[in-house]
Protein backbone atom coordinates (compact mmCIF):
# COMPACT_ATOMS: atom_id res chain seq x y z
CA MET A 1 -101.19 19.28 -28.48
CA LEU A 2 -103.29 17.80 -30.65
CA GLU A 3 -107.47 17.61 -29.14
CA VAL A 4 -108.82 14.45 -28.20
CA GLY A 5 -111.98 13.61 -31.08
CA THR A 6 -109.96 15.09 -33.87
CA LYS A 7 -108.58 12.90 -37.00
CA ALA A 8 -105.02 12.27 -36.71
CA PRO A 9 -103.20 13.95 -39.19
CA ASP A 10 -101.81 11.54 -41.74
CA PHE A 11 -97.84 10.93 -42.57
CA THR A 12 -95.59 8.89 -44.19
CA LEU A 13 -91.69 8.39 -42.57
CA PRO A 14 -88.64 6.25 -43.32
CA ASP A 15 -88.63 3.94 -39.83
CA GLN A 16 -85.05 2.72 -38.88
CA SER A 17 -84.73 0.65 -42.17
CA GLY A 18 -85.54 2.92 -44.09
CA ASN A 19 -88.85 1.47 -44.95
CA PRO A 20 -91.71 3.82 -45.66
CA VAL A 21 -94.45 3.75 -42.77
CA SER A 22 -97.76 5.66 -43.20
CA LEU A 23 -100.82 5.89 -40.24
CA SER A 24 -103.20 5.14 -42.86
CA ASP A 25 -100.83 1.39 -43.47
CA PHE A 26 -102.52 0.58 -39.67
CA ARG A 27 -106.30 1.53 -40.45
CA GLY A 28 -108.89 -1.04 -38.95
CA LYS A 29 -105.96 -0.95 -35.53
CA LYS A 30 -105.54 1.01 -32.62
CA VAL A 31 -102.17 2.54 -33.30
CA ILE A 32 -100.13 4.05 -29.86
CA LEU A 33 -97.97 7.25 -31.62
CA PHE A 34 -95.06 8.57 -29.19
CA PHE A 35 -92.85 10.98 -29.69
CA TYR A 36 -89.32 11.69 -27.69
CA SER A 37 -86.38 13.85 -28.14
CA LYS A 38 -83.37 12.22 -29.56
CA ASP A 39 -82.06 8.87 -29.39
CA ASN A 40 -79.55 7.67 -26.78
CA THR A 41 -80.54 10.26 -24.37
CA ALA A 42 -81.30 8.95 -20.69
CA GLY A 43 -84.90 9.93 -20.74
CA CYS A 44 -85.65 9.04 -24.69
CA THR A 45 -84.13 5.53 -24.01
CA LYS A 46 -86.42 4.83 -21.11
CA GLN A 47 -89.16 5.77 -22.70
CA ALA A 48 -88.41 3.24 -25.64
CA CYS A 49 -87.14 0.71 -23.77
CA ALA A 50 -90.36 0.77 -21.46
CA PHE A 51 -92.37 0.63 -25.06
CA GLY A 52 -90.08 -2.06 -26.35
CA GLU A 53 -90.67 -4.22 -22.85
CA GLN A 54 -94.30 -3.58 -23.26
CA TYR A 55 -94.71 -4.57 -26.73
CA PRO A 56 -96.14 -7.97 -26.14
CA ALA A 57 -99.00 -6.25 -24.07
CA PHE A 58 -100.05 -3.75 -26.80
CA GLN A 59 -99.71 -6.78 -29.53
CA ALA A 60 -102.39 -8.91 -27.04
CA LYS A 61 -104.12 -6.08 -27.28
CA GLY A 62 -104.21 -5.48 -30.74
CA ALA A 63 -102.33 -2.40 -30.76
CA VAL A 64 -99.70 -1.23 -32.87
CA VAL A 65 -96.30 1.18 -31.39
CA LEU A 66 -94.87 3.71 -33.30
CA GLY A 67 -92.15 5.91 -32.15
CA VAL A 68 -91.59 9.20 -33.75
CA SER A 69 -88.15 11.12 -33.33
CA LYS A 70 -86.52 14.26 -35.43
CA ASP A 71 -83.53 12.22 -35.93
CA PRO A 72 -82.19 10.41 -38.92
CA VAL A 73 -82.56 6.75 -40.11
CA PRO A 74 -79.21 5.86 -39.57
CA SER A 75 -79.30 6.86 -36.19
CA HIS A 76 -82.35 5.08 -35.16
CA GLN A 77 -80.89 1.94 -37.02
CA ARG A 78 -78.25 1.68 -34.46
CA PHE A 79 -80.78 2.81 -31.52
CA ALA A 80 -83.10 0.06 -32.40
CA GLU A 81 -80.21 -2.74 -32.99
CA LYS A 82 -78.90 -1.57 -29.33
CA TYR A 83 -81.69 -1.50 -27.10
CA GLN A 84 -83.49 -4.13 -29.58
CA LEU A 85 -86.50 -2.12 -30.45
CA PRO A 86 -89.19 -4.63 -31.35
CA TYR A 87 -91.54 -1.58 -33.05
CA PRO A 88 -90.84 0.71 -35.98
CA ILE A 89 -89.21 3.94 -35.13
CA LEU A 90 -89.86 6.94 -37.65
CA ALA A 91 -87.62 9.33 -38.42
CA ASP A 92 -88.64 13.28 -39.26
CA PRO A 93 -85.87 15.19 -39.40
CA GLU A 94 -87.70 18.07 -41.52
CA PHE A 95 -90.18 17.90 -38.35
CA GLN A 96 -93.16 17.56 -40.93
CA VAL A 97 -95.15 15.11 -38.55
CA LEU A 98 -93.30 16.36 -35.35
CA GLU A 99 -95.22 20.49 -36.13
CA ALA A 100 -98.54 18.37 -37.57
CA TYR A 101 -98.83 16.85 -33.98
CA ASP A 102 -98.02 20.18 -32.21
CA VAL A 103 -95.26 18.49 -30.31
CA ARG A 104 -92.37 20.73 -31.33
CA LYS A 105 -92.31 23.78 -29.16
CA GLU A 106 -90.22 26.57 -27.85
CA LYS A 107 -88.68 25.18 -24.55
CA ASN A 108 -86.25 27.38 -21.70
CA MET A 109 -82.81 25.43 -21.77
CA TYR A 110 -80.54 26.62 -19.22
CA GLY A 111 -82.27 30.15 -19.67
CA LYS A 112 -82.09 30.17 -23.60
CA LYS A 113 -85.45 29.63 -25.62
CA VAL A 114 -84.83 26.86 -28.05
CA MET A 115 -87.33 24.40 -30.03
CA GLY A 116 -87.93 20.96 -28.62
CA ILE A 117 -89.92 18.04 -28.59
CA VAL A 118 -92.39 17.66 -25.80
CA ARG A 119 -92.39 13.84 -24.54
CA SER A 120 -95.90 12.75 -25.66
CA SER A 121 -98.03 9.81 -26.94
CA TYR A 122 -101.49 9.91 -28.80
CA LEU A 123 -103.84 6.68 -28.96
CA ILE A 124 -105.57 6.61 -32.51
CA ASP A 125 -108.34 4.61 -32.78
CA GLU A 126 -109.27 1.88 -36.02
CA GLU A 127 -111.01 5.16 -38.02
CA GLY A 128 -108.04 7.25 -37.15
CA ILE A 129 -109.56 9.39 -34.47
CA ILE A 130 -107.24 10.75 -31.79
CA ARG A 131 -108.80 8.70 -28.54
CA LYS A 132 -106.53 9.93 -25.85
CA VAL A 133 -103.13 12.32 -25.45
CA HIS A 134 -100.53 12.06 -22.55
CA ALA A 135 -98.20 15.44 -22.34
CA LYS A 136 -95.09 16.46 -20.88
CA VAL A 137 -95.59 12.84 -19.54
CA LYS A 138 -92.35 11.25 -17.64
CA PRO A 139 -90.43 8.62 -19.57
CA GLU A 140 -91.22 5.73 -17.51
CA GLU A 141 -94.51 6.25 -17.50
CA ASN A 142 -95.53 6.94 -21.21
CA ALA A 143 -95.86 3.00 -22.01
CA GLY A 144 -98.25 2.18 -19.07
CA LEU A 145 -99.85 5.01 -19.24
CA ALA A 146 -100.75 4.24 -23.30
CA LEU A 147 -100.83 0.63 -22.27
CA ALA A 148 -103.87 1.76 -19.32
CA ASP A 149 -105.73 3.66 -22.60
CA LEU A 150 -106.29 0.48 -24.26
């Protein structure tokens, strides 16, 4: 995981509609950047929906929410439509941002070592500096922790 106080790596990824979204687009605003493994899985759906349910509170605090996973744009489009997610979810099938934010890690799954995504979030301030990190969070708690950070 990246350290609090470091500059957040800039990136540009397509959202669920295929539109490019850059972190630098949100300079001057607080950004909650959260990472999850896979669309339409139980834990990731809970995490994404919790951010969706609390989205008006994030907006009221002047924050932007961005979700990122390795899934491609068409998967994100179906996922966002199915659960009416009101924020951009970004496709990173080549793991560029997942690796830049150090959330792609070796995991032990049923005795086998596999590469996976650490469910986590970052609070990035108006100048692009990481102010808070939550690693290995529970899906239903991530949005509440991120909101409390604001």
